[in-house]
Amino acid sequence: MPRPSEALMNEAGEWIAEQLSEEGLMVTSGFVDLVLDMEWSAIEEGIDPDARSMVVDAVMQKMVEENVQVGPPPETLSTDGIDTSQIRPVPRGFVEQVLSWEDDFLGFAGVKRADVAG
């Protein structure tokens, strides 16, 4: 089950991060790349690429397993560092938004997730 090309996915990560930023959600393209990598790993492991809820569940499980967490925006931190009470698990909505924007990006690129995964 080949993934889309690395170049296409890098472009997708940057574009998705820009779209999320315009919506007021500050994430890095690195975070988006991580979500996309986890998504494609789940698909390679046999998750139906069209079963969005199952894909999100799989990504969320991978986030827990790898202890991926989010914190406050850097500009809200004190000079003493991160207030660890503000660090929390990645919200499911973040993953859903990334995958939704990925749908749009792949559509613009003429790529169907199921075709690539199949």
PDB file of N, CA and C in Angstrom:
ATOM      1  N   MET A   1       0.835  -1.184   0.000  1.00  0.00           N
ATOM      2  CA  MET A   1       0.000   0.000   0.000  1.00  0.00           C
ATOM      3  C   MET A   1       0.876   1.241   0.000  1.00  0.00           C
ATOM      4  N   PRO A   2       1.189   1.749  -1.153  1.00  0.00           N
ATOM      5  CA  PRO A   2       2.076   2.915  -1.189  1.00  0.00           C
ATOM      6  C   PRO A   2       1.374   4.195  -0.734  1.00  0.00           C
ATOM      7  N   ARG A   3       2.116   4.990  -0.016  1.00  0.00           N
ATOM      8  CA  ARG A   3       1.621   6.303   0.390  1.00  0.00           C
ATOM      9  C   ARG A   3       1.780   7.255  -0.791  1.00  0.00           C
ATOM     10  N   PRO A   4       1.113   8.398  -0.718  1.00  0.00           N
ATOM     11  CA  PRO A   4       1.418   9.421  -1.726  1.00  0.00           C
ATOM     12  C   PRO A   4       2.896   9.794  -1.609  1.00  0.00           C
ATOM     13  N   SER A   5       3.441  10.394  -2.636  1.00  0.00           N
ATOM     14  CA  SER A   5       4.862  10.720  -2.640  1.00  0.00           C
ATOM     15  C   SER A   5       5.224  11.623  -1.458  1.00  0.00           C
ATOM     16  N   GLU A   6       6.462  11.519  -1.049  1.00  0.00           N
ATOM     17  CA  GLU A   6       6.947  12.332   0.069  1.00  0.00           C
ATOM     18  C   GLU A   6       6.825  13.827  -0.252  1.00  0.00           C
ATOM     19  N   ALA A   7       7.151  14.183  -1.491  1.00  0.00           N
ATOM     20  CA  ALA A   7       7.048  15.597  -1.894  1.00  0.00           C
ATOM     21  C   ALA A   7       5.610  16.093  -1.782  1.00  0.00           C
ATOM     22  N   LEU A   8       4.653  15.275  -2.231  1.00  0.00           N
ATOM     23  CA  LEU A   8       3.245  15.669  -2.157  1.00  0.00           C
ATOM     24  C   LEU A   8       2.806  15.807  -0.704  1.00  0.00           C
ATOM     25  N   MET A   9       3.213  14.878   0.145  1.00  0.00           N
ATOM     26  CA  MET A   9       2.805  14.934   1.549  1.00  0.00           C
ATOM     27  C   MET A   9       3.477  16.088   2.287  1.00  0.00           C
ATOM     28  N   ASN A  10       4.721  16.438   1.916  1.00  0.00           N
ATOM     29  CA  ASN A  10       5.365  17.607   2.519  1.00  0.00           C
ATOM     30  C   ASN A  10       4.603  18.869   2.159  1.00  0.00           C
ATOM     31  N   GLU A  11       4.224  18.965   0.897  1.00  0.00           N
ATOM     32  CA  GLU A  11       3.435  20.113   0.449  1.00  0.00           C
ATOM     33  C   GLU A  11       2.087  20.137   1.167  1.00  0.00           C
ATOM     34  N   ALA A  12       1.486  18.972   1.328  1.00  0.00           N
ATOM     35  CA  ALA A  12       0.204  18.883   2.029  1.00  0.00           C
ATOM     36  C   ALA A  12       0.349  19.374   3.461  1.00  0.00           C
ATOM     37  N   GLY A  13       1.404  18.946   4.148  1.00  0.00           N
ATOM     38  CA  GLY A  13       1.612  19.348   5.537  1.00  0.00           C
ATOM     39  C   GLY A  13       1.721  20.856   5.693  1.00  0.00           C
ATOM     40  N   GLU A  14       2.483  21.480   4.820  1.00  0.00           N
ATOM     41  CA  GLU A  14       2.640  22.938   4.877  1.00  0.00           C
ATOM     42  C   GLU A  14       1.316  23.633   4.578  1.00  0.00           C
ATOM     43  N   TRP A  15       0.614  23.168   3.561  1.00  0.00           N
ATOM     44  CA  TRP A  15      -0.652  23.789   3.172  1.00  0.00           C
ATOM     45  C   TRP A  15      -1.694  23.635   4.265  1.00  0.00           C
ATOM     46  N   ILE A  16      -1.780  22.435   4.848  1.00  0.00           N
ATOM     47  CA  ILE A  16      -2.753  22.187   5.910  1.00  0.00           C
ATOM     48  C   ILE A  16      -2.455  23.074   7.114  1.00  0.00           C
ATOM     49  N   ALA A  17      -1.180  23.189   7.488  1.00  0.00           N
ATOM     50  CA  ALA A  17      -0.821  24.050   8.621  1.00  0.00           C
ATOM     51  C   ALA A  17      -1.236  25.497   8.354  1.00  0.00           C
ATOM     52  N   GLU A  18      -1.076  25.955   7.119  1.00  0.00           N
ATOM     53  CA  GLU A  18      -1.516  27.315   6.762  1.00  0.00           C
ATOM     54  C   GLU A  18      -3.024  27.457   6.902  1.00  0.00           C
ATOM     55  N   GLN A  19      -3.757  26.462   6.431  1.00  0.00           N
ATOM     56  CA  GLN A  19      -5.227  26.522   6.518  1.00  0.00           C
ATOM     57  C   GLN A  19      -5.682  26.547   7.977  1.00  0.00           C
ATOM     58  N   LEU A  20      -5.068  25.718   8.793  1.00  0.00           N
ATOM     59  CA  LEU A  20      -5.420  25.681  10.211  1.00  0.00           C
ATOM     60  C   LEU A  20      -5.082  27.001  10.891  1.00  0.00           C
ATOM     61  N   SER A  21      -3.964  27.580  10.499  1.00  0.00           N
ATOM     62  CA  SER A  21      -3.563  28.881  11.056  1.00  0.00           C
ATOM     63  C   SER A  21      -4.594  29.950  10.722  1.00  0.00           C
ATOM     64  N   GLU A  22      -5.101  29.919   9.499  1.00  0.00           N
ATOM     65  CA  GLU A  22      -6.127  30.886   9.096  1.00  0.00           C
ATOM     66  C   GLU A  22      -7.413  30.690   9.892  1.00  0.00           C
ATOM     67  N   GLU A  23      -7.634  29.461  10.406  1.00  0.00           N
ATOM     68  CA  GLU A  23      -8.800  29.187  11.242  1.00  0.00           C
ATOM     69  C   GLU A  23      -8.535  29.516  12.717  1.00  0.00           C
ATOM     70  N   GLY A  24      -7.302  29.961  13.016  1.00  0.00           N
ATOM     71  CA  GLY A  24      -6.958  30.314  14.386  1.00  0.00           C
ATOM     72  C   GLY A  24      -6.358  29.183  15.198  1.00  0.00           C
ATOM     73  N   LEU A  25      -6.082  28.054  14.570  1.00  0.00           N
ATOM     74  CA  LEU A  25      -5.477  26.922  15.258  1.00  0.00           C
ATOM     75  C   LEU A  25      -3.985  26.917  14.926  1.00  0.00           C
ATOM     76  N   MET A  26      -3.177  27.232  15.900  1.00  0.00           N
ATOM     77  CA  MET A  26      -1.742  27.359  15.669  1.00  0.00           C
ATOM     78  C   MET A  26      -1.054  26.002  15.842  1.00  0.00           C
ATOM     79  N   VAL A  27      -0.730  25.398  14.727  1.00  0.00           N
ATOM     80  CA  VAL A  27       0.013  24.140  14.729  1.00  0.00           C
ATOM     81  C   VAL A  27       1.153  24.264  13.730  1.00  0.00           C
ATOM     82  N   THR A  28       2.179  23.490  13.942  1.00  0.00           N
ATOM     83  CA  THR A  28       3.306  23.496  13.015  1.00  0.00           C
ATOM     84  C   THR A  28       3.069  22.488  11.902  1.00  0.00           C
ATOM     85  N   SER A  29       3.787  22.675  10.801  1.00  0.00           N
ATOM     86  CA  SER A  29       3.681  21.681   9.735  1.00  0.00           C
ATOM     87  C   SER A  29       4.248  20.349  10.227  1.00  0.00           C
ATOM     88  N   GLY A  30       5.168  20.383  11.197  1.00  0.00           N
ATOM     89  CA  GLY A  30       5.692  19.151  11.778  1.00  0.00           C
ATOM     90  C   GLY A  30       4.612  18.350  12.485  1.00  0.00           C
ATOM     91  N   PHE A  31       3.720  19.045  13.213  1.00  0.00           N
ATOM     92  CA  PHE A  31       2.605  18.357  13.868  1.00  0.00           C
ATOM     93  C   PHE A  31       1.689  17.746  12.811  1.00  0.00           C
ATOM     94  N   VAL A  32       1.395  18.513  11.767  1.00  0.00           N
ATOM     95  CA  VAL A  32       0.537  18.006  10.692  1.00  0.00           C
ATOM     96  C   VAL A  32       1.192  16.789  10.052  1.00  0.00           C
ATOM     97  N   ASP A  33       2.499  16.870   9.788  1.00  0.00           N
ATOM     98  CA  ASP A  33       3.211  15.731   9.200  1.00  0.00           C
ATOM     99  C   ASP A  33       3.099  14.498  10.090  1.00  0.00           C
ATOM    100  N   LEU A  34       3.183  14.694  11.410  1.00  0.00           N
ATOM    101  CA  LEU A  34       3.061  13.581  12.347  1.00  0.00           C
ATOM    102  C   LEU A  34       1.685  12.937  12.247  1.00  0.00           C
ATOM    103  N   VAL A  35       0.634  13.762  12.217  1.00  0.00           N
ATOM    104  CA  VAL A  35      -0.732  13.231  12.088  1.00  0.00           C
ATOM    105  C   VAL A  35      -0.867  12.455  10.778  1.00  0.00           C
ATOM    106  N   LEU A  36      -0.366  13.029   9.687  1.00  0.00           N
ATOM    107  CA  LEU A  36      -0.480  12.356   8.389  1.00  0.00           C
ATOM    108  C   LEU A  36       0.298  11.050   8.374  1.00  0.00           C
ATOM    109  N   ASP A  37       1.486  11.050   8.980  1.00  0.00           N
ATOM    110  CA  ASP A  37       2.274   9.819   9.039  1.00  0.00           C
ATOM    111  C   ASP A  37       1.535   8.745   9.832  1.00  0.00           C
ATOM    112  N   MET A  38       0.960   9.145  10.965  1.00  0.00           N
ATOM    113  CA  MET A  38       0.201   8.184  11.774  1.00  0.00           C
ATOM    114  C   MET A  38      -1.020   7.677  11.025  1.00  0.00           C
ATOM    115  N   GLU A  39      -1.659   8.567  10.284  1.00  0.00           N
ATOM    116  CA  GLU A  39      -2.825   8.160   9.485  1.00  0.00           C
ATOM    117  C   GLU A  39      -2.429   7.108   8.456  1.00  0.00           C
ATOM    118  N   TRP A  40      -1.364   7.387   7.697  1.00  0.00           N
ATOM    119  CA  TRP A  40      -0.975   6.444   6.650  1.00  0.00           C
ATOM    120  C   TRP A  40      -0.441   5.144   7.237  1.00  0.00           C
ATOM    121  N   SER A  41       0.179   5.209   8.416  1.00  0.00           N
ATOM    122  CA  SER A  41       0.596   3.970   9.093  1.00  0.00           C
ATOM    123  C   SER A  41      -0.628   3.130   9.441  1.00  0.00           C
ATOM    124  N   ALA A  42      -1.675   3.786   9.931  1.00  0.00           N
ATOM    125  CA  ALA A  42      -2.911   3.067  10.270  1.00  0.00           C
ATOM    126  C   ALA A  42      -3.523   2.426   9.033  1.00  0.00           C
ATOM    127  N   ILE A  43      -3.506   3.153   7.926  1.00  0.00           N
ATOM    128  CA  ILE A  43      -4.051   2.614   6.669  1.00  0.00           C
ATOM    129  C   ILE A  43      -3.224   1.418   6.218  1.00  0.00           C
ATOM    130  N   GLU A  44      -1.897   1.540   6.329  1.00  0.00           N
ATOM    131  CA  GLU A  44      -1.020   0.423   5.955  1.00  0.00           C
ATOM    132  C   GLU A  44      -1.248  -0.796   6.852  1.00  0.00           C
ATOM    133  N   GLU A  45      -1.690  -0.546   8.080  1.00  0.00           N
ATOM    134  CA  GLU A  45      -1.966  -1.636   9.016  1.00  0.00           C
ATOM    135  C   GLU A  45      -3.344  -2.256   8.791  1.00  0.00           C
ATOM    136  N   GLY A  46      -4.096  -1.731   7.821  1.00  0.00           N
ATOM    137  CA  GLY A  46      -5.356  -2.359   7.458  1.00  0.00           C
ATOM    138  C   GLY A  46      -6.617  -1.572   7.765  1.00  0.00           C
ATOM    139  N   ILE A  47      -6.499  -0.377   8.326  1.00  0.00           N
ATOM    140  CA  ILE A  47      -7.682   0.449   8.572  1.00  0.00           C
ATOM    141  C   ILE A  47      -8.230   0.926   7.229  1.00  0.00           C
ATOM    142  N   ASP A  48      -9.526   0.838   7.048  1.00  0.00           N
ATOM    143  CA  ASP A  48     -10.179   1.297   5.818  1.00  0.00           C
ATOM    144  C   ASP A  48      -9.991   2.805   5.696  1.00  0.00           C
ATOM    145  N   PRO A  49      -9.357   3.273   4.619  1.00  0.00           N
ATOM    146  CA  PRO A  49      -9.101   4.707   4.475  1.00  0.00           C
ATOM    147  C   PRO A  49     -10.368   5.554   4.392  1.00  0.00           C
ATOM    148  N   ASP A  50     -11.492   4.932   4.077  1.00  0.00           N
ATOM    149  CA  ASP A  50     -12.749   5.667   3.993  1.00  0.00           C
ATOM    150  C   ASP A  50     -13.539   5.647   5.301  1.00  0.00           C
ATOM    151  N   ALA A  51     -13.047   4.925   6.290  1.00  0.00           N
ATOM    152  CA  ALA A  51     -13.713   4.847   7.597  1.00  0.00           C
ATOM    153  C   ALA A  51     -13.088   5.897   8.512  1.00  0.00           C
ATOM    154  N   ARG A  52     -13.496   7.152   8.308  1.00  0.00           N
ATOM    155  CA  ARG A  52     -12.858   8.286   8.990  1.00  0.00           C
ATOM    156  C   ARG A  52     -12.780   8.103  10.500  1.00  0.00           C
ATOM    157  N   SER A  53     -13.854   7.688  11.137  1.00  0.00           N
ATOM    158  CA  SER A  53     -13.859   7.541  12.585  1.00  0.00           C
ATOM    159  C   SER A  53     -12.808   6.522  13.034  1.00  0.00           C
ATOM    160  N   MET A  54     -12.673   5.439  12.289  1.00  0.00           N
ATOM    161  CA  MET A  54     -11.684   4.420  12.633  1.00  0.00           C
ATOM    162  C   MET A  54     -10.267   4.939  12.427  1.00  0.00           C
ATOM    163  N   VAL A  55     -10.058   5.722  11.373  1.00  0.00           N
ATOM    164  CA  VAL A  55      -8.741   6.309  11.119  1.00  0.00           C
ATOM    165  C   VAL A  55      -8.393   7.266  12.255  1.00  0.00           C
ATOM    166  N   VAL A  56      -9.336   8.121  12.630  1.00  0.00           N
ATOM    167  CA  VAL A  56      -9.096   9.066  13.720  1.00  0.00           C
ATOM    168  C   VAL A  56      -8.819   8.305  15.015  1.00  0.00           C
ATOM    169  N   ASP A  57      -9.592   7.259  15.293  1.00  0.00           N
ATOM    170  CA  ASP A  57      -9.357   6.441  16.487  1.00  0.00           C
ATOM    171  C   ASP A  57      -7.930   5.883  16.492  1.00  0.00           C
ATOM    172  N   ALA A  58      -7.496   5.382  15.342  1.00  0.00           N
ATOM    173  CA  ALA A  58      -6.150   4.802  15.243  1.00  0.00           C
ATOM    174  C   ALA A  58      -5.074   5.860  15.468  1.00  0.00           C
ATOM    175  N   VAL A  59      -5.261   7.040  14.894  1.00  0.00           N
ATOM    176  CA  VAL A  59      -4.295   8.124  15.086  1.00  0.00           C
ATOM    177  C   VAL A  59      -4.275   8.537  16.557  1.00  0.00           C
ATOM    178  N   MET A  60      -5.452   8.661  17.157  1.00  0.00           N
ATOM    179  CA  MET A  60      -5.520   9.047  18.566  1.00  0.00           C
ATOM    180  C   MET A  60      -4.809   8.008  19.434  1.00  0.00           C
ATOM    181  N   GLN A  61      -4.971   6.729  19.130  1.00  0.00           N
ATOM    182  CA  GLN A  61      -4.289   5.681  19.893  1.00  0.00           C
ATOM    183  C   GLN A  61      -2.777   5.810  19.735  1.00  0.00           C
ATOM    184  N   LYS A  62      -2.310   6.077  18.518  1.00  0.00           N
ATOM    185  CA  LYS A  62      -0.875   6.259  18.289  1.00  0.00           C
ATOM    186  C   LYS A  62      -0.358   7.481  19.059  1.00  0.00           C
ATOM    187  N   MET A  63      -1.171   8.537  19.137  1.00  0.00           N
ATOM    188  CA  MET A  63      -0.781   9.732  19.890  1.00  0.00           C
ATOM    189  C   MET A  63      -0.592   9.381  21.368  1.00  0.00           C
ATOM    190  N   VAL A  64      -1.506   8.587  21.910  1.00  0.00           N
ATOM    191  CA  VAL A  64      -1.410   8.169  23.314  1.00  0.00           C
ATOM    192  C   VAL A  64      -0.163   7.309  23.519  1.00  0.00           C
ATOM    193  N   GLU A  65       0.033   6.334  22.624  1.00  0.00           N
ATOM    194  CA  GLU A  65       1.180   5.432  22.737  1.00  0.00           C
ATOM    195  C   GLU A  65       2.507   6.185  22.696  1.00  0.00           C
ATOM    196  N   GLU A  66       2.572   7.243  21.894  1.00  0.00           N
ATOM    197  CA  GLU A  66       3.810   8.004  21.757  1.00  0.00           C
ATOM    198  C   GLU A  66       3.845   9.238  22.660  1.00  0.00           C
ATOM    199  N   ASN A  67       2.828   9.366  23.528  1.00  0.00           N
ATOM    200  CA  ASN A  67       2.735  10.463  24.492  1.00  0.00           C
ATOM    201  C   ASN A  67       2.857  11.836  23.818  1.00  0.00           C
ATOM    202  N   VAL A  68       2.177  11.996  22.695  1.00  0.00           N
ATOM    203  CA  VAL A  68       2.146  13.285  22.005  1.00  0.00           C
ATOM    204  C   VAL A  68       1.124  14.159  22.719  1.00  0.00           C
ATOM    205  N   GLN A  69       1.569  15.344  23.108  1.00  0.00           N
ATOM    206  CA  GLN A  69       0.693  16.260  23.827  1.00  0.00           C
ATOM    207  C   GLN A  69       0.832  17.655  23.253  1.00  0.00           C
ATOM    208  N   VAL A  70      -0.112  18.509  23.594  1.00  0.00           N
ATOM    209  CA  VAL A  70      -0.076  19.899  23.147  1.00  0.00           C
ATOM    210  C   VAL A  70      -0.037  20.806  24.365  1.00  0.00           C
ATOM    211  N   GLY A  71       0.447  21.986  24.135  1.00  0.00           N
ATOM    212  CA  GLY A  71       0.532  22.957  25.220  1.00  0.00           C
ATOM    213  C   GLY A  71       0.044  24.308  24.763  1.00  0.00           C
ATOM    214  N   PRO A  72       0.249  25.300  25.604  1.00  0.00           N
ATOM    215  CA  PRO A  72      -0.206  26.644  25.270  1.00  0.00           C
ATOM    216  C   PRO A  72       0.673  27.264  24.187  1.00  0.00           C
ATOM    217  N   PRO A  73       0.158  28.276  23.500  1.00  0.00           N
ATOM    218  CA  PRO A  73       0.980  28.980  22.511  1.00  0.00           C
ATOM    219  C   PRO A  73       2.233  29.549  23.185  1.00  0.00           C
ATOM    220  N   PRO A  74       3.382  29.538  22.507  1.00  0.00           N
ATOM    221  CA  PRO A  74       4.630  30.003  23.110  1.00  0.00           C
ATOM    222  C   PRO A  74       4.552  31.411  23.701  1.00  0.00           C
ATOM    223  N   GLU A  75       3.779  32.290  23.074  1.00  0.00           N
ATOM    224  CA  GLU A  75       3.724  33.670  23.566  1.00  0.00           C
ATOM    225  C   GLU A  75       3.032  33.792  24.924  1.00  0.00           C
ATOM    226  N   THR A  76       2.364  32.725  25.364  1.00  0.00           N
ATOM    227  CA  THR A  76       1.696  32.776  26.666  1.00  0.00           C
ATOM    228  C   THR A  76       2.565  32.218  27.787  1.00  0.00           C
ATOM    229  N   LEU A  77       3.758  31.734  27.449  1.00  0.00           N
ATOM    230  CA  LEU A  77       4.627  31.133  28.453  1.00  0.00           C
ATOM    231  C   LEU A  77       5.384  32.196  29.229  1.00  0.00           C
ATOM    232  N   SER A  78       5.664  31.911  30.466  1.00  0.00           N
ATOM    233  CA  SER A  78       6.478  32.811  31.274  1.00  0.00           C
ATOM    234  C   SER A  78       7.940  32.578  30.937  1.00  0.00           C
ATOM    235  N   THR A  79       8.792  33.445  31.443  1.00  0.00           N
ATOM    236  CA  THR A  79      10.231  33.274  31.203  1.00  0.00           C
ATOM    237  C   THR A  79      10.772  32.072  31.968  1.00  0.00           C
ATOM    238  N   ASP A  80       9.969  31.531  32.889  1.00  0.00           N
ATOM    239  CA  ASP A  80      10.388  30.363  33.660  1.00  0.00           C
ATOM    240  C   ASP A  80      10.174  29.062  32.895  1.00  0.00           C
ATOM    241  N   GLY A  81       9.523  29.125  31.741  1.00  0.00           N
ATOM    242  CA  GLY A  81       9.302  27.922  30.953  1.00  0.00           C
ATOM    243  C   GLY A  81       7.840  27.544  30.882  1.00  0.00           C
ATOM    244  N   ILE A  82       7.601  26.309  30.505  1.00  0.00           N
ATOM    245  CA  ILE A  82       6.251  25.820  30.267  1.00  0.00           C
ATOM    246  C   ILE A  82       5.559  25.486  31.581  1.00  0.00           C
ATOM    247  N   ASP A  83       4.347  25.930  31.703  1.00  0.00           N
ATOM    248  CA  ASP A  83       3.491  25.534  32.827  1.00  0.00           C
ATOM    249  C   ASP A  83       2.925  24.171  32.459  1.00  0.00           C
ATOM    250  N   THR A  84       3.470  23.130  33.069  1.00  0.00           N
ATOM    251  CA  THR A  84       3.089  21.771  32.673  1.00  0.00           C
ATOM    252  C   THR A  84       1.632  21.455  32.954  1.00  0.00           C
ATOM    253  N   SER A  85       0.969  22.274  33.759  1.00  0.00           N
ATOM    254  CA  SER A  85      -0.454  22.032  34.007  1.00  0.00           C
ATOM    255  C   SER A  85      -1.282  22.326  32.759  1.00  0.00           C
ATOM    256  N   GLN A  86      -0.698  23.043  31.798  1.00  0.00           N
ATOM    257  CA  GLN A  86      -1.414  23.380  30.578  1.00  0.00           C
ATOM    258  C   GLN A  86      -1.166  22.381  29.444  1.00  0.00           C
ATOM    259  N   ILE A  87      -0.280  21.433  29.653  1.00  0.00           N
ATOM    260  CA  ILE A  87      -0.004  20.421  28.631  1.00  0.00           C
ATOM    261  C   ILE A  87      -1.073  19.335  28.745  1.00  0.00           C
ATOM    262  N   ARG A  88      -1.615  18.946  27.591  1.00  0.00           N
ATOM    263  CA  ARG A  88      -2.705  17.972  27.602  1.00  0.00           C
ATOM    264  C   ARG A  88      -2.640  17.105  26.340  1.00  0.00           C
ATOM    265  N   PRO A  89      -3.381  16.011  26.346  1.00  0.00           N
ATOM    266  CA  PRO A  89      -3.412  15.173  25.139  1.00  0.00           C
ATOM    267  C   PRO A  89      -3.947  15.960  23.933  1.00  0.00           C
ATOM    268  N   VAL A  90      -3.567  15.512  22.768  1.00  0.00           N
ATOM    269  CA  VAL A  90      -4.031  16.141  21.528  1.00  0.00           C
ATOM    270  C   VAL A  90      -5.543  15.972  21.441  1.00  0.00           C
ATOM    271  N   PRO A  91      -6.276  17.071  21.256  1.00  0.00           N
ATOM    272  CA  PRO A  91      -7.730  16.942  21.109  1.00  0.00           C
ATOM    273  C   PRO A  91      -8.096  16.212  19.807  1.00  0.00           C
ATOM    274  N   ARG A  92      -9.105  15.377  19.881  1.00  0.00           N
ATOM    275  CA  ARG A  92      -9.576  14.638  18.711  1.00  0.00           C
ATOM    276  C   ARG A  92      -9.904  15.587  17.553  1.00  0.00           C
ATOM    277  N   GLY A  93     -10.453  16.748  17.886  1.00  0.00           N
ATOM    278  CA  GLY A  93     -10.806  17.724  16.860  1.00  0.00           C
ATOM    279  C   GLY A  93      -9.624  18.186  16.037  1.00  0.00           C
ATOM    280  N   PHE A  94      -8.423  18.247  16.639  1.00  0.00           N
ATOM    281  CA  PHE A  94      -7.223  18.631  15.887  1.00  0.00           C
ATOM    282  C   PHE A  94      -6.973  17.618  14.781  1.00  0.00           C
ATOM    283  N   VAL A  95      -7.037  16.342  15.140  1.00  0.00           N
ATOM    284  CA  VAL A  95      -6.785  15.274  14.169  1.00  0.00           C
ATOM    285  C   VAL A  95      -7.850  15.303  13.077  1.00  0.00           C
ATOM    286  N   GLU A  96      -9.102  15.460  13.474  1.00  0.00           N
ATOM    287  CA  GLU A  96     -10.190  15.511  12.488  1.00  0.00           C
ATOM    288  C   GLU A  96     -10.010  16.677  11.526  1.00  0.00           C
ATOM    289  N   GLN A  97      -9.587  17.842  12.041  1.00  0.00           N
ATOM    290  CA  GLN A  97      -9.385  18.998  11.165  1.00  0.00           C
ATOM    291  C   GLN A  97      -8.239  18.762  10.192  1.00  0.00           C
ATOM    292  N   VAL A  98      -7.143  18.174  10.674  1.00  0.00           N
ATOM    293  CA  VAL A  98      -6.011  17.880   9.787  1.00  0.00           C
ATOM    294  C   VAL A  98      -6.463  16.964   8.661  1.00  0.00           C
ATOM    295  N   LEU A  99      -7.184  15.910   9.006  1.00  0.00           N
ATOM    296  CA  LEU A  99      -7.613  14.944   7.982  1.00  0.00           C
ATOM    297  C   LEU A  99      -8.641  15.546   7.028  1.00  0.00           C
ATOM    298  N   SER A 100      -9.471  16.439   7.534  1.00  0.00           N
ATOM    299  CA  SER A 100     -10.439  17.107   6.666  1.00  0.00           C
ATOM    300  C   SER A 100      -9.720  17.982   5.638  1.00  0.00           C
ATOM    301  N   TRP A 101      -8.728  18.739   6.103  1.00  0.00           N
ATOM    302  CA  TRP A 101      -7.967  19.555   5.162  1.00  0.00           C
ATOM    303  C   TRP A 101      -7.151  18.687   4.215  1.00  0.00           C
ATOM    304  N   GLU A 102      -6.693  17.520   4.688  1.00  0.00           N
ATOM    305  CA  GLU A 102      -5.974  16.611   3.802  1.00  0.00           C
ATOM    306  C   GLU A 102      -6.900  16.131   2.687  1.00  0.00           C
ATOM    307  N   ASP A 103      -8.157  15.862   3.021  1.00  0.00           N
ATOM    308  CA  ASP A 103      -9.134  15.478   1.992  1.00  0.00           C
ATOM    309  C   ASP A 103      -9.187  16.537   0.893  1.00  0.00           C
ATOM    310  N   ASP A 104      -9.280  17.803   1.311  1.00  0.00           N
ATOM    311  CA  ASP A 104      -9.336  18.893   0.336  1.00  0.00           C
ATOM    312  C   ASP A 104      -8.064  18.932  -0.503  1.00  0.00           C
ATOM    313  N   PHE A 105      -6.914  18.839   0.167  1.00  0.00           N
ATOM    314  CA  PHE A 105      -5.641  18.901  -0.549  1.00  0.00           C
ATOM    315  C   PHE A 105      -5.521  17.765  -1.561  1.00  0.00           C
ATOM    316  N   LEU A 106      -5.809  16.548  -1.124  1.00  0.00           N
ATOM    317  CA  LEU A 106      -5.717  15.411  -2.040  1.00  0.00           C
ATOM    318  C   LEU A 106      -6.706  15.552  -3.194  1.00  0.00           C
ATOM    319  N   GLY A 107      -7.886  16.101  -2.906  1.00  0.00           N
ATOM    320  CA  GLY A 107      -8.866  16.349  -3.964  1.00  0.00           C
ATOM    321  C   GLY A 107      -8.337  17.326  -5.000  1.00  0.00           C
ATOM    322  N   PHE A 108      -7.706  18.411  -4.525  1.00  0.00           N
ATOM    323  CA  PHE A 108      -7.116  19.389  -5.447  1.00  0.00           C
ATOM    324  C   PHE A 108      -6.007  18.753  -6.277  1.00  0.00           C
ATOM    325  N   ALA A 109      -5.281  17.798  -5.665  1.00  0.00           N
ATOM    326  CA  ALA A 109      -4.185  17.128  -6.355  1.00  0.00           C
ATOM    327  C   ALA A 109      -4.664  15.962  -7.222  1.00  0.00           C
ATOM    328  N   GLY A 110      -5.962  15.662  -7.164  1.00  0.00           N
ATOM    329  CA  GLY A 110      -6.510  14.570  -7.965  1.00  0.00           C
ATOM    330  C   GLY A 110      -6.135  13.197  -7.432  1.00  0.00           C
ATOM    331  N   VAL A 111      -5.903  13.121  -6.118  1.00  0.00           N
ATOM    332  CA  VAL A 111      -5.504  11.863  -5.490  1.00  0.00           C
ATOM    333  C   VAL A 111      -6.634  11.374  -4.596  1.00  0.00           C
ATOM    334  N   LYS A 112      -7.016  10.119  -4.764  1.00  0.00           N
ATOM    335  CA  LYS A 112      -8.017   9.514  -3.885  1.00  0.00           C
ATOM    336  C   LYS A 112      -7.305   8.613  -2.893  1.00  0.00           C
ATOM    337  N   ARG A 113      -7.554   8.839  -1.627  1.00  0.00           N
ATOM    338  CA  ARG A 113      -6.894   8.075  -0.566  1.00  0.00           C
ATOM    339  C   ARG A 113      -7.066   6.567  -0.797  1.00  0.00           C
ATOM    340  N   ALA A 114      -8.263   6.148  -1.132  1.00  0.00           N
ATOM    341  CA  ALA A 114      -8.536   4.724  -1.338  1.00  0.00           C
ATOM    342  C   ALA A 114      -7.733   4.156  -2.502  1.00  0.00           C
ATOM    343  N   ASP A 115      -7.512   4.966  -3.558  1.00  0.00           N
ATOM    344  CA  ASP A 115      -6.743   4.491  -4.705  1.00  0.00           C
ATOM    345  C   ASP A 115      -5.289   4.282  -4.323  1.00  0.00           C
ATOM    346  N   VAL A 116      -4.755   5.211  -3.520  1.00  0.00           N
ATOM    347  CA  VAL A 116      -3.358   5.095  -3.111  1.00  0.00           C
ATOM    348  C   VAL A 116      -3.191   3.935  -2.151  1.00  0.00           C
ATOM    349  N   ALA A 117      -4.166   3.790  -1.242  1.00  0.00           N
ATOM    350  CA  ALA A 117      -4.071   2.741  -0.227  1.00  0.00           C
ATOM    351  C   ALA A 117      -4.340   1.357  -0.790  1.00  0.00           C
ATOM    352  N   GLY A 118      -5.025   1.285  -1.916  1.00  0.00           N
ATOM    353  CA  GLY A 118      -5.449  -0.009  -2.414  1.00  0.00           C
ATOM    354  C   GLY A 118      -4.518  -0.739  -3.245  1.00  0.00           C
TER     355      GLY A 118
END
